[in-house]
């Protein structure tokens, strides 16, 4: 078995190259705008639907998935765009997971820092349910879950199923918003915005419950109030 430090070095080099590449694209203005993406899709014609998922996977290395989902809605509309975006998000998740697993080699399951072992155990023990819950947590980058899953013993099936089920509401919402950019007061846009708010609040409450915090209860649980001889 190769030394553990070799796998860590591979992962560090991959992370550094990715950051440099994305930073270079951003600084040089080479990340395409929504208008350029629409023109590109128009030029592809009927092939746009066939090629969109592979292109989504490639673009997701530099552009976050909510922006890509919005672009999908802009290009194809909500009805066609939602399943396309969901397929793209799922394929991108599996691709990033596979890259991390390849980089980890024989050391998967033993590379995460000690303080994050609970995360690894949670992913491994709960599988698809853990992935579904992670997709609902606000402000948790999906890429972090994808790459972390590759460093654990989480199965690809669990990643795919958890992403499809847990991610579908958010994917629909961002795709619908992208498809309604011309009229953000349309019923479709308002429903999408309301859904994102509900998902954010629900995710925040879920996190609070997991941490043992009660956002609607005053004071610290289990601590008696002083005074009145109590």
C-alpha atoms as a PDB file:
ATOM      1  CA  UNK A   1       0.000   0.000   0.000  1.00  0.00           C
ATOM      2  CA  UNK A   2       1.277   3.442  -0.906  1.00  0.00           C
ATOM      3  CA  UNK A   3       1.997   5.907   1.925  1.00  0.00           C
ATOM      4  CA  UNK A   4      -0.950   7.987   3.132  1.00  0.00           C
ATOM      5  CA  UNK A   5       0.936  11.206   2.411  1.00  0.00           C
ATOM      6  CA  UNK A   6       0.995  10.369  -1.318  1.00  0.00           C
ATOM      7  CA  UNK A   7      -2.815  10.372  -1.463  1.00  0.00           C
ATOM      8  CA  UNK A   8      -2.957  13.594   0.556  1.00  0.00           C
ATOM      9  CA  UNK A   9      -0.468  15.189  -1.847  1.00  0.00           C
ATOM     10  CA  UNK A  10      -2.592  14.186  -4.856  1.00  0.00           C
ATOM     11  CA  UNK A  11      -5.683  15.714  -3.301  1.00  0.00           C
ATOM     12  CA  UNK A  12      -3.833  18.927  -2.408  1.00  0.00           C
ATOM     13  CA  UNK A  13      -2.479  19.273  -5.962  1.00  0.00           C
ATOM     14  CA  UNK A  14      -5.943  18.691  -7.438  1.00  0.00           C
ATOM     15  CA  UNK A  15      -7.467  21.300  -5.101  1.00  0.00           C
ATOM     16  CA  UNK A  16      -4.754  23.843  -5.938  1.00  0.00           C
ATOM     17  CA  UNK A  17      -5.088  23.332  -9.695  1.00  0.00           C
ATOM     18  CA  UNK A  18      -8.892  23.628  -9.471  1.00  0.00           C
ATOM     19  CA  UNK A  19      -8.722  26.872  -7.491  1.00  0.00           C
ATOM     20  CA  UNK A  20      -6.164  28.359  -9.872  1.00  0.00           C
ATOM     21  CA  UNK A  21      -8.186  27.348 -12.939  1.00  0.00           C
ATOM     22  CA  UNK A  22     -11.459  28.765 -11.599  1.00  0.00           C
ATOM     23  CA  UNK A  23      -9.734  31.938 -10.402  1.00  0.00           C
ATOM     24  CA  UNK A  24      -8.102  32.424 -13.799  1.00  0.00           C
ATOM     25  CA  UNK A  25     -11.424  31.982 -15.616  1.00  0.00           C
ATOM     26  CA  UNK A  26     -13.112  34.470 -13.303  1.00  0.00           C
ATOM     27  CA  UNK A  27     -10.350  37.092 -13.496  1.00  0.00           C
ATOM     28  CA  UNK A  28     -10.065  36.873 -17.284  1.00  0.00           C
ATOM     29  CA  UNK A  29     -13.841  37.007 -17.770  1.00  0.00           C
ATOM     30  CA  UNK A  30     -13.970  33.679 -19.589  1.00  0.00           C
ATOM     31  CA  UNK A  31     -16.922  32.311 -17.616  1.00  0.00           C
ATOM     32  CA  UNK A  32     -19.814  32.605 -20.098  1.00  0.00           C
ATOM     33  CA  UNK A  33     -22.768  34.874 -19.380  1.00  0.00           C
ATOM     34  CA  UNK A  34     -26.368  33.685 -19.559  1.00  0.00           C
ATOM     35  CA  UNK A  35     -26.728  35.317 -22.978  1.00  0.00           C
ATOM     36  CA  UNK A  36     -23.661  33.549 -24.329  1.00  0.00           C
ATOM     37  CA  UNK A  37     -24.937  30.246 -22.942  1.00  0.00           C
ATOM     38  CA  UNK A  38     -28.276  30.743 -24.679  1.00  0.00           C
ATOM     39  CA  UNK A  39     -26.563  31.553 -27.992  1.00  0.00           C
ATOM     40  CA  UNK A  40     -24.371  28.469 -27.631  1.00  0.00           C
ATOM     41  CA  UNK A  41     -27.403  26.257 -27.015  1.00  0.00           C
ATOM     42  CA  UNK A  42     -29.219  27.778 -29.988  1.00  0.00           C
ATOM     43  CA  UNK A  43     -26.238  26.975 -32.217  1.00  0.00           C
ATOM     44  CA  UNK A  44     -26.320  23.330 -31.080  1.00  0.00           C
ATOM     45  CA  UNK A  45     -29.969  22.982 -32.061  1.00  0.00           C
ATOM     46  CA  UNK A  46     -31.482  19.585 -31.224  1.00  0.00           C
ATOM     47  CA  UNK A  47     -28.117  18.394 -29.864  1.00  0.00           C
ATOM     48  CA  UNK A  48     -28.406  20.880 -26.997  1.00  0.00           C
ATOM     49  CA  UNK A  49     -30.650  18.569 -24.969  1.00  0.00           C
ATOM     50  CA  UNK A  50     -28.372  15.556 -25.576  1.00  0.00           C
ATOM     51  CA  UNK A  51     -25.133  17.369 -24.767  1.00  0.00           C
ATOM     52  CA  UNK A  52     -26.416  19.514 -21.932  1.00  0.00           C
ATOM     53  CA  UNK A  53     -25.843  17.053 -19.083  1.00  0.00           C
ATOM     54  CA  UNK A  54     -22.160  16.385 -19.975  1.00  0.00           C
ATOM     55  CA  UNK A  55     -21.652  20.135 -20.432  1.00  0.00           C
ATOM     56  CA  UNK A  56     -23.358  20.730 -17.071  1.00  0.00           C
ATOM     57  CA  UNK A  57     -20.913  18.345 -15.407  1.00  0.00           C
ATOM     58  CA  UNK A  58     -17.911  20.124 -16.927  1.00  0.00           C
ATOM     59  CA  UNK A  59     -19.234  23.605 -16.161  1.00  0.00           C
ATOM     60  CA  UNK A  60     -19.973  22.655 -12.544  1.00  0.00           C
ATOM     61  CA  UNK A  61     -16.245  22.523 -11.843  1.00  0.00           C
ATOM     62  CA  UNK A  62     -16.161  26.303 -12.334  1.00  0.00           C
ATOM     63  CA  UNK A  63     -19.771  27.460 -11.851  1.00  0.00           C
ATOM     64  CA  UNK A  64     -22.022  26.629  -8.912  1.00  0.00           C
ATOM     65  CA  UNK A  65     -24.994  24.400  -9.659  1.00  0.00           C
ATOM     66  CA  UNK A  66     -27.756  26.948  -8.741  1.00  0.00           C
ATOM     67  CA  UNK A  67     -26.460  29.268 -11.481  1.00  0.00           C
ATOM     68  CA  UNK A  68     -26.321  26.358 -13.922  1.00  0.00           C
ATOM     69  CA  UNK A  69     -29.841  25.261 -12.954  1.00  0.00           C
ATOM     70  CA  UNK A  70     -31.073  28.801 -13.552  1.00  0.00           C
ATOM     71  CA  UNK A  71     -29.361  28.800 -16.928  1.00  0.00           C
ATOM     72  CA  UNK A  72     -31.065  25.506 -17.718  1.00  0.00           C
ATOM     73  CA  UNK A  73     -34.455  27.075 -17.041  1.00  0.00           C
ATOM     74  CA  UNK A  74     -33.494  30.080 -19.144  1.00  0.00           C
ATOM     75  CA  UNK A  75     -32.487  27.853 -22.061  1.00  0.00           C
ATOM     76  CA  UNK A  76     -35.164  25.157 -21.976  1.00  0.00           C
ATOM     77  CA  UNK A  77     -37.945  26.412 -19.716  1.00  0.00           C
ATOM     78  CA  UNK A  78     -39.031  24.884 -16.417  1.00  0.00           C
ATOM     79  CA  UNK A  79     -40.761  21.743 -17.739  1.00  0.00           C
ATOM     80  CA  UNK A  80     -37.801  20.491 -19.785  1.00  0.00           C
ATOM     81  CA  UNK A  81     -35.117  22.243 -17.759  1.00  0.00           C
ATOM     82  CA  UNK A  82     -35.921  20.717 -14.367  1.00  0.00           C
ATOM     83  CA  UNK A  83     -35.227  17.059 -15.274  1.00  0.00           C
ATOM     84  CA  UNK A  84     -32.194  18.153 -17.301  1.00  0.00           C
ATOM     85  CA  UNK A  85     -30.787  20.171 -14.404  1.00  0.00           C
ATOM     86  CA  UNK A  86     -31.503  17.360 -11.936  1.00  0.00           C
ATOM     87  CA  UNK A  87     -29.708  14.885 -14.207  1.00  0.00           C
ATOM     88  CA  UNK A  88     -26.805  17.329 -14.516  1.00  0.00           C
ATOM     89  CA  UNK A  89     -26.554  17.887 -10.774  1.00  0.00           C
ATOM     90  CA  UNK A  90     -26.647  14.138 -10.084  1.00  0.00           C
ATOM     91  CA  UNK A  91     -24.047  13.355 -12.756  1.00  0.00           C
ATOM     92  CA  UNK A  92     -21.801  16.158 -11.457  1.00  0.00           C
ATOM     93  CA  UNK A  93     -22.113  14.838  -7.896  1.00  0.00           C
ATOM     94  CA  UNK A  94     -21.121  11.327  -8.970  1.00  0.00           C
ATOM     95  CA  UNK A  95     -18.240  12.660 -11.083  1.00  0.00           C
ATOM     96  CA  UNK A  96     -16.777  14.709  -8.239  1.00  0.00           C
ATOM     97  CA  UNK A  97     -17.235  11.804  -5.856  1.00  0.00           C
ATOM     98  CA  UNK A  98     -15.418   9.487  -8.298  1.00  0.00           C
ATOM     99  CA  UNK A  99     -12.523  11.946  -8.636  1.00  0.00           C
ATOM    100  CA  UNK A 100     -12.087  12.168  -4.865  1.00  0.00           C
ATOM    101  CA  UNK A 101     -12.246   8.373  -4.550  1.00  0.00           C
ATOM    102  CA  UNK A 102      -9.633   7.938  -7.279  1.00  0.00           C
ATOM    103  CA  UNK A 103      -7.345  10.466  -5.611  1.00  0.00           C
ATOM    104  CA  UNK A 104      -7.787   8.791  -2.218  1.00  0.00           C
ATOM    105  CA  UNK A 105      -6.922   5.386  -3.651  1.00  0.00           C
ATOM    106  CA  UNK A 106      -6.547   2.703  -1.016  1.00  0.00           C
ATOM    107  CA  UNK A 107      -6.828   5.269   1.785  1.00  0.00           C
ATOM    108  CA  UNK A 108     -10.489   6.169   1.379  1.00  0.00           C
ATOM    109  CA  UNK A 109     -12.166   6.186   4.741  1.00  0.00           C
ATOM    110  CA  UNK A 110      -8.955   7.228   6.476  1.00  0.00           C
ATOM    111  CA  UNK A 111      -8.031  10.602   5.032  1.00  0.00           C
ATOM    112  CA  UNK A 112     -10.519  12.961   6.654  1.00  0.00           C
ATOM    113  CA  UNK A 113      -9.198  14.802   9.738  1.00  0.00           C
ATOM    114  CA  UNK A 114     -10.052  13.297  13.114  1.00  0.00           C
ATOM    115  CA  UNK A 115     -12.477  16.112  13.948  1.00  0.00           C
ATOM    116  CA  UNK A 116     -14.538  15.316  10.852  1.00  0.00           C
ATOM    117  CA  UNK A 117     -14.774  11.575  11.441  1.00  0.00           C
ATOM    118  CA  UNK A 118     -18.341  12.025  12.709  1.00  0.00           C
ATOM    119  CA  UNK A 119     -19.257  13.357   9.271  1.00  0.00           C
ATOM    120  CA  UNK A 120     -17.678  10.310   7.647  1.00  0.00           C
ATOM    121  CA  UNK A 121     -19.484   7.967  10.015  1.00  0.00           C
ATOM    122  CA  UNK A 122     -22.787   9.748   9.400  1.00  0.00           C
ATOM    123  CA  UNK A 123     -22.429   9.459   5.620  1.00  0.00           C
ATOM    124  CA  UNK A 124     -21.378   5.826   5.759  1.00  0.00           C
ATOM    125  CA  UNK A 125     -24.008   4.668   8.254  1.00  0.00           C
ATOM    126  CA  UNK A 126     -26.972   6.582   6.825  1.00  0.00           C
ATOM    127  CA  UNK A 127     -26.167   6.474   3.093  1.00  0.00           C
ATOM    128  CA  UNK A 128     -28.883   7.995   0.907  1.00  0.00           C
ATOM    129  CA  UNK A 129     -30.698   9.527   3.893  1.00  0.00           C
ATOM    130  CA  UNK A 130     -27.529  11.381   4.895  1.00  0.00           C
ATOM    131  CA  UNK A 131     -27.113  12.728   1.356  1.00  0.00           C
ATOM    132  CA  UNK A 132     -30.776  13.790   1.240  1.00  0.00           C
ATOM    133  CA  UNK A 133     -30.409  15.663   4.518  1.00  0.00           C
ATOM    134  CA  UNK A 134     -27.186  17.316   3.373  1.00  0.00           C
ATOM    135  CA  UNK A 135     -28.974  18.670   0.293  1.00  0.00           C
ATOM    136  CA  UNK A 136     -31.496  20.404   2.552  1.00  0.00           C
ATOM    137  CA  UNK A 137     -28.970  22.071   4.865  1.00  0.00           C
ATOM    138  CA  UNK A 138     -28.616  25.762   3.954  1.00  0.00           C
ATOM    139  CA  UNK A 139     -25.185  27.168   3.102  1.00  0.00           C
ATOM    140  CA  UNK A 140     -23.612  23.691   2.867  1.00  0.00           C
ATOM    141  CA  UNK A 141     -21.850  23.538  -0.526  1.00  0.00           C
ATOM    142  CA  UNK A 142     -22.911  20.461  -2.455  1.00  0.00           C
ATOM    143  CA  UNK A 143     -19.374  20.086  -3.784  1.00  0.00           C
ATOM    144  CA  UNK A 144     -18.092  19.578  -0.238  1.00  0.00           C
ATOM    145  CA  UNK A 145     -20.522  16.685   0.215  1.00  0.00           C
ATOM    146  CA  UNK A 146     -19.607  15.242  -3.189  1.00  0.00           C
ATOM    147  CA  UNK A 147     -15.871  15.225  -2.579  1.00  0.00           C
ATOM    148  CA  UNK A 148     -16.245  14.177   1.066  1.00  0.00           C
ATOM    149  CA  UNK A 149     -18.410  11.251  -0.038  1.00  0.00           C
ATOM    150  CA  UNK A 150     -15.588  10.103  -2.294  1.00  0.00           C
ATOM    151  CA  UNK A 151     -13.216  10.019   0.660  1.00  0.00           C
ATOM    152  CA  UNK A 152     -15.564   7.745   2.623  1.00  0.00           C
ATOM    153  CA  UNK A 153     -17.170   4.360   1.964  1.00  0.00           C
ATOM    154  CA  UNK A 154     -20.451   5.945   0.816  1.00  0.00           C
ATOM    155  CA  UNK A 155     -21.837   4.074  -2.198  1.00  0.00           C
ATOM    156  CA  UNK A 156     -22.466   5.725  -5.569  1.00  0.00           C
ATOM    157  CA  UNK A 157     -26.057   4.511  -5.467  1.00  0.00           C
ATOM    158  CA  UNK A 158     -26.653   6.288  -2.168  1.00  0.00           C
ATOM    159  CA  UNK A 159     -25.145   9.503  -3.542  1.00  0.00           C
ATOM    160  CA  UNK A 160     -27.308   9.351  -6.678  1.00  0.00           C
ATOM    161  CA  UNK A 161     -30.563   8.477  -4.900  1.00  0.00           C
ATOM    162  CA  UNK A 162     -30.015  11.002  -2.110  1.00  0.00           C
ATOM    163  CA  UNK A 163     -29.212  13.762  -4.597  1.00  0.00           C
ATOM    164  CA  UNK A 164     -32.249  13.084  -6.797  1.00  0.00           C
ATOM    165  CA  UNK A 165     -34.741  12.910  -3.921  1.00  0.00           C
ATOM    166  CA  UNK A 166     -33.219  15.521  -1.624  1.00  0.00           C
ATOM    167  CA  UNK A 167     -32.164  17.916  -4.364  1.00  0.00           C
ATOM    168  CA  UNK A 168     -35.272  17.878  -6.570  1.00  0.00           C
ATOM    169  CA  UNK A 169     -37.134  20.721  -4.778  1.00  0.00           C
ATOM    170  CA  UNK A 170     -34.173  23.106  -4.888  1.00  0.00           C
ATOM    171  CA  UNK A 171     -33.323  22.189  -8.469  1.00  0.00           C
ATOM    172  CA  UNK A 172     -36.911  22.880  -9.515  1.00  0.00           C
ATOM    173  CA  UNK A 173     -36.914  26.219  -7.699  1.00  0.00           C
ATOM    174  CA  UNK A 174     -33.686  27.508  -9.271  1.00  0.00           C
ATOM    175  CA  UNK A 175     -34.666  26.213 -12.704  1.00  0.00           C
ATOM    176  CA  UNK A 176     -38.069  27.893 -12.446  1.00  0.00           C
ATOM    177  CA  UNK A 177     -36.445  31.176 -11.408  1.00  0.00           C
ATOM    178  CA  UNK A 178     -34.085  30.971 -14.376  1.00  0.00           C
ATOM    179  CA  UNK A 179     -36.977  30.302 -16.698  1.00  0.00           C
ATOM    180  CA  UNK A 180     -38.827  33.326 -15.288  1.00  0.00           C
ATOM    181  CA  UNK A 181     -36.044  35.915 -15.482  1.00  0.00           C
ATOM    182  CA  UNK A 182     -38.070  37.942 -17.950  1.00  0.00           C
ATOM    183  CA  UNK A 183     -40.907  38.226 -15.414  1.00  0.00           C
ATOM    184  CA  UNK A 184     -39.924  37.626 -11.787  1.00  0.00           C
ATOM    185  CA  UNK A 185     -43.468  38.514 -10.682  1.00  0.00           C
ATOM    186  CA  UNK A 186     -44.984  35.574 -12.561  1.00  0.00           C
ATOM    187  CA  UNK A 187     -46.733  32.858 -10.507  1.00  0.00           C
ATOM    188  CA  UNK A 188     -43.978  30.396 -11.418  1.00  0.00           C
ATOM    189  CA  UNK A 189     -41.240  32.721 -10.129  1.00  0.00           C
ATOM    190  CA  UNK A 190     -43.154  33.517  -6.940  1.00  0.00           C
ATOM    191  CA  UNK A 191     -43.759  29.828  -6.206  1.00  0.00           C
ATOM    192  CA  UNK A 192     -40.062  29.092  -6.805  1.00  0.00           C
ATOM    193  CA  UNK A 193     -38.956  31.929  -4.504  1.00  0.00           C
ATOM    194  CA  UNK A 194     -41.405  30.831  -1.792  1.00  0.00           C
ATOM    195  CA  UNK A 195     -40.171  27.246  -2.094  1.00  0.00           C
ATOM    196  CA  UNK A 196     -36.558  28.353  -1.608  1.00  0.00           C
ATOM    197  CA  UNK A 197     -37.537  30.293   1.514  1.00  0.00           C
ATOM    198  CA  UNK A 198     -39.429  27.304   2.937  1.00  0.00           C
ATOM    199  CA  UNK A 199     -36.521  24.967   2.168  1.00  0.00           C
ATOM    200  CA  UNK A 200     -34.033  27.359   3.770  1.00  0.00           C
ATOM    201  CA  UNK A 201     -36.121  27.675   6.933  1.00  0.00           C
ATOM    202  CA  UNK A 202     -36.773  23.943   7.057  1.00  0.00           C
ATOM    203  CA  UNK A 203     -33.084  23.205   6.606  1.00  0.00           C
ATOM    204  CA  UNK A 204     -32.133  25.698   9.319  1.00  0.00           C
ATOM    205  CA  UNK A 205     -34.633  24.148  11.746  1.00  0.00           C
ATOM    206  CA  UNK A 206     -33.296  20.702  10.922  1.00  0.00           C
ATOM    207  CA  UNK A 207     -29.733  21.813  11.702  1.00  0.00           C
ATOM    208  CA  UNK A 208     -30.874  23.466  14.925  1.00  0.00           C
ATOM    209  CA  UNK A 209     -32.644  20.277  15.990  1.00  0.00           C
ATOM    210  CA  UNK A 210     -29.594  18.150  15.190  1.00  0.00           C
ATOM    211  CA  UNK A 211     -27.474  20.488  17.326  1.00  0.00           C
ATOM    212  CA  UNK A 212     -29.981  20.388  20.176  1.00  0.00           C
ATOM    213  CA  UNK A 213     -30.914  24.053  19.782  1.00  0.00           C
ATOM    214  CA  UNK A 214     -34.530  25.142  20.194  1.00  0.00           C
ATOM    215  CA  UNK A 215     -34.934  28.409  18.246  1.00  0.00           C
ATOM    216  CA  UNK A 216     -38.404  29.146  19.647  1.00  0.00           C
ATOM    217  CA  UNK A 217     -37.555  28.457  23.293  1.00  0.00           C
ATOM    218  CA  UNK A 218     -36.148  31.191  25.495  1.00  0.00           C
ATOM    219  CA  UNK A 219     -33.262  30.557  27.803  1.00  0.00           C
ATOM    220  CA  UNK A 220     -30.919  27.604  27.907  1.00  0.00           C
ATOM    221  CA  UNK A 221     -32.535  24.168  28.046  1.00  0.00           C
ATOM    222  CA  UNK A 222     -32.071  22.372  31.325  1.00  0.00           C
ATOM    223  CA  UNK A 223     -31.043  25.509  33.287  1.00  0.00           C
ATOM    224  CA  UNK A 224     -33.484  26.620  35.980  1.00  0.00           C
ATOM    225  CA  UNK A 225     -34.253  30.301  36.338  1.00  0.00           C
ATOM    226  CA  UNK A 226     -32.775  31.971  39.403  1.00  0.00           C
ATOM    227  CA  UNK A 227     -34.896  33.675  42.039  1.00  0.00           C
ATOM    228  CA  UNK A 228     -38.041  32.904  44.065  1.00  0.00           C
ATOM    229  CA  UNK A 229     -36.105  30.303  46.046  1.00  0.00           C
ATOM    230  CA  UNK A 230     -36.130  27.858  43.118  1.00  0.00           C
END
